[in-house]
Amino acid sequence: MKKFYWLSFLLIGLAMQTHSQNLFSEFGLTDEHVAMFSPYLHHTYGEVQFEAFKTNDQVRYYTELWVMSESFYVKRDAYPDGVTLDESIIDIRRFESYRLADQETTVPLEGFKDALILKSLSDVNQAKQKIYQYFH
């Protein structure tokens, strides 16, 4: 009987993990970026509140996770001098004022040879709408 409960628990856990991974790929989230940028959300909400937020407000959770991790990319070696940018240190919220309506924006970061490229506001809004529509 204990084996049955343990096996049931294991299968439910695997199903939930698979469901989350499917949602990640549905919204264009990569596992690497989710792992890299989730600490920002943990820090913002705190551990207990983060788990409640993640469960109870999935639209906002996936939207914030997408913005934090997928609304930009790093263009490597854009400049001849500087150090390589570790994208995991980027808090994209600091750069939102640079984002343009219908085109990508290049943000040079002093001291780095890599450039930060912000996706357009229209791309961000399309992703947000896709996430909203998925859950409604």
Protein backbone atom coordinates (compact mmCIF):
# COMPACT_ATOMS: atom_id res chain seq x y z
CA MET A 1 0.00 0.00 0.00
CA LYS A 2 2.86 2.40 0.81
CA LYS A 3 4.34 1.69 -2.61
CA PHE A 4 1.04 2.66 -4.23
CA TYR A 5 0.97 6.04 -2.44
CA TRP A 6 4.61 6.69 -3.21
CA LEU A 7 4.12 5.80 -6.88
CA SER A 8 0.98 7.96 -7.09
CA PHE A 9 2.83 10.89 -5.54
CA LEU A 10 5.73 10.43 -7.96
CA LEU A 11 3.44 10.28 -11.02
CA ILE A 12 1.51 13.38 -9.96
CA GLY A 13 4.79 15.24 -9.44
CA LEU A 14 6.06 14.21 -12.87
CA ALA A 15 2.78 15.23 -14.50
CA MET A 16 2.94 18.68 -12.86
CA GLN A 17 6.57 19.15 -13.92
CA THR A 18 5.74 18.12 -17.50
CA HIS A 19 2.77 20.53 -17.51
CA SER A 20 5.02 23.40 -16.36
CA GLN A 21 7.63 22.57 -19.00
CA ASN A 22 4.91 22.50 -21.67
CA LEU A 23 3.70 25.92 -20.54
CA PHE A 24 7.26 27.23 -20.58
CA SER A 25 7.74 26.14 -24.19
CA GLU A 26 4.21 27.32 -25.11
CA PHE A 27 5.18 30.85 -24.09
CA GLY A 28 8.70 30.74 -25.52
CA LEU A 29 10.39 30.35 -22.14
CA THR A 30 13.54 28.25 -22.05
CA ASP A 31 14.40 26.08 -19.05
CA GLU A 32 17.81 27.78 -18.91
CA HIS A 33 16.28 31.25 -18.70
CA VAL A 34 13.63 30.18 -16.20
CA ALA A 35 16.39 28.84 -13.92
CA MET A 36 18.49 31.95 -14.50
CA PHE A 37 15.81 34.57 -13.83
CA SER A 38 13.47 32.94 -11.32
CA PRO A 39 15.66 34.17 -8.44
CA TYR A 40 14.58 37.74 -9.27
CA LEU A 41 10.95 36.77 -8.73
CA HIS A 42 11.84 34.85 -5.56
CA HIS A 43 13.63 37.94 -4.27
CA THR A 44 10.76 40.26 -5.25
CA TYR A 45 8.02 38.20 -3.60
CA GLY A 46 9.81 36.17 -0.93
CA GLU A 47 9.68 32.38 -0.85
CA VAL A 48 6.24 31.85 0.69
CA GLN A 49 4.54 34.62 -1.26
CA PHE A 50 6.32 33.53 -4.45
CA GLU A 51 4.88 30.02 -4.24
CA ALA A 52 1.37 31.44 -3.65
CA PHE A 53 1.86 33.95 -6.49
CA LYS A 54 3.05 31.21 -8.84
CA THR A 55 0.04 29.03 -8.04
CA ASN A 56 -2.74 31.60 -7.63
CA ASP A 57 -1.90 34.17 -10.30
CA GLN A 58 -0.46 32.18 -13.18
CA VAL A 59 -1.10 34.88 -15.78
CA ARG A 60 0.98 37.38 -13.86
CA TYR A 61 3.62 34.79 -12.93
CA TYR A 62 4.22 33.70 -16.53
CA THR A 63 4.01 37.28 -17.78
CA GLU A 64 6.61 38.53 -15.33
CA LEU A 65 8.82 35.52 -15.94
CA TRP A 66 8.64 36.08 -19.71
CA VAL A 67 9.46 39.78 -19.39
CA MET A 68 12.35 39.07 -16.99
CA SER A 69 13.88 36.39 -19.20
CA GLU A 70 12.72 36.61 -22.81
CA SER A 71 11.99 40.28 -23.56
CA PHE A 72 15.65 40.89 -24.38
CA TYR A 73 18.77 39.15 -25.57
CA VAL A 74 22.49 39.82 -25.48
CA LYS A 75 24.40 40.54 -28.67
CA ARG A 76 27.87 39.15 -28.10
CA ASP A 77 31.01 41.10 -29.08
CA ALA A 78 29.09 44.17 -30.23
CA TYR A 79 31.99 46.40 -29.16
CA PRO A 80 35.76 45.88 -29.36
CA ASP A 81 36.51 46.50 -25.67
CA GLY A 82 35.09 45.44 -22.35
CA VAL A 83 34.21 42.29 -20.48
CA THR A 84 31.69 39.62 -21.40
CA LEU A 85 28.22 40.29 -20.01
CA ASP A 86 26.74 37.60 -17.77
CA GLU A 87 23.08 37.92 -18.71
CA SER A 88 21.96 36.43 -15.40
CA ILE A 89 22.87 39.73 -13.68
CA ILE A 90 20.40 41.72 -15.78
CA ASP A 91 17.32 43.09 -14.06
CA ILE A 92 15.48 44.10 -17.21
CA ARG A 93 13.12 46.36 -15.27
CA ARG A 94 15.94 48.91 -15.09
CA PHE A 95 15.92 49.28 -18.87
CA GLU A 96 12.19 49.40 -19.67
CA SER A 97 12.31 53.14 -20.40
CA TYR A 98 14.58 52.44 -23.40
CA ARG A 99 12.14 50.03 -25.05
CA LEU A 100 10.68 51.30 -28.37
CA ALA A 101 7.18 50.65 -29.70
CA ASP A 102 7.89 48.76 -32.93
CA GLN A 103 11.59 48.05 -33.13
CA GLU A 104 14.34 46.50 -31.09
CA THR A 105 16.56 48.80 -29.06
CA THR A 106 20.28 48.40 -28.53
CA VAL A 107 21.43 49.43 -25.08
CA PRO A 108 25.21 49.71 -24.72
CA LEU A 109 26.39 48.90 -21.21
CA GLU A 110 29.51 50.71 -20.11
CA GLY A 111 32.44 48.37 -19.50
CA PHE A 112 30.94 45.46 -21.45
CA LYS A 113 31.77 44.33 -24.98
CA ASP A 114 28.29 42.86 -25.35
CA ALA A 115 25.14 44.88 -26.01
CA LEU A 116 21.72 44.46 -24.49
CA ILE A 117 18.98 44.22 -27.13
CA LEU A 118 15.45 44.96 -25.97
CA LYS A 119 12.63 43.44 -27.97
CA SER A 120 9.98 45.91 -29.11
CA LEU A 121 7.06 46.90 -26.92
CA SER A 122 4.72 45.35 -29.51
CA ASP A 123 6.57 41.99 -29.14
CA VAL A 124 6.28 42.23 -25.36
CA ASN A 125 2.57 43.03 -25.57
CA GLN A 126 1.96 40.13 -27.98
CA ALA A 127 3.65 37.73 -25.56
CA LYS A 128 1.62 39.11 -22.65
CA GLN A 129 -1.58 38.70 -24.65
CA LYS A 130 -0.70 35.13 -25.63
CA ILE A 131 -0.17 34.25 -21.97
CA TYR A 132 -3.43 35.94 -20.96
CA GLN A 133 -5.41 34.17 -23.69
CA TYR A 134 -3.95 30.80 -22.74
CA PHE A 135 -5.44 31.04 -19.25
CA HIS A 136 -8.76 32.63 -20.24
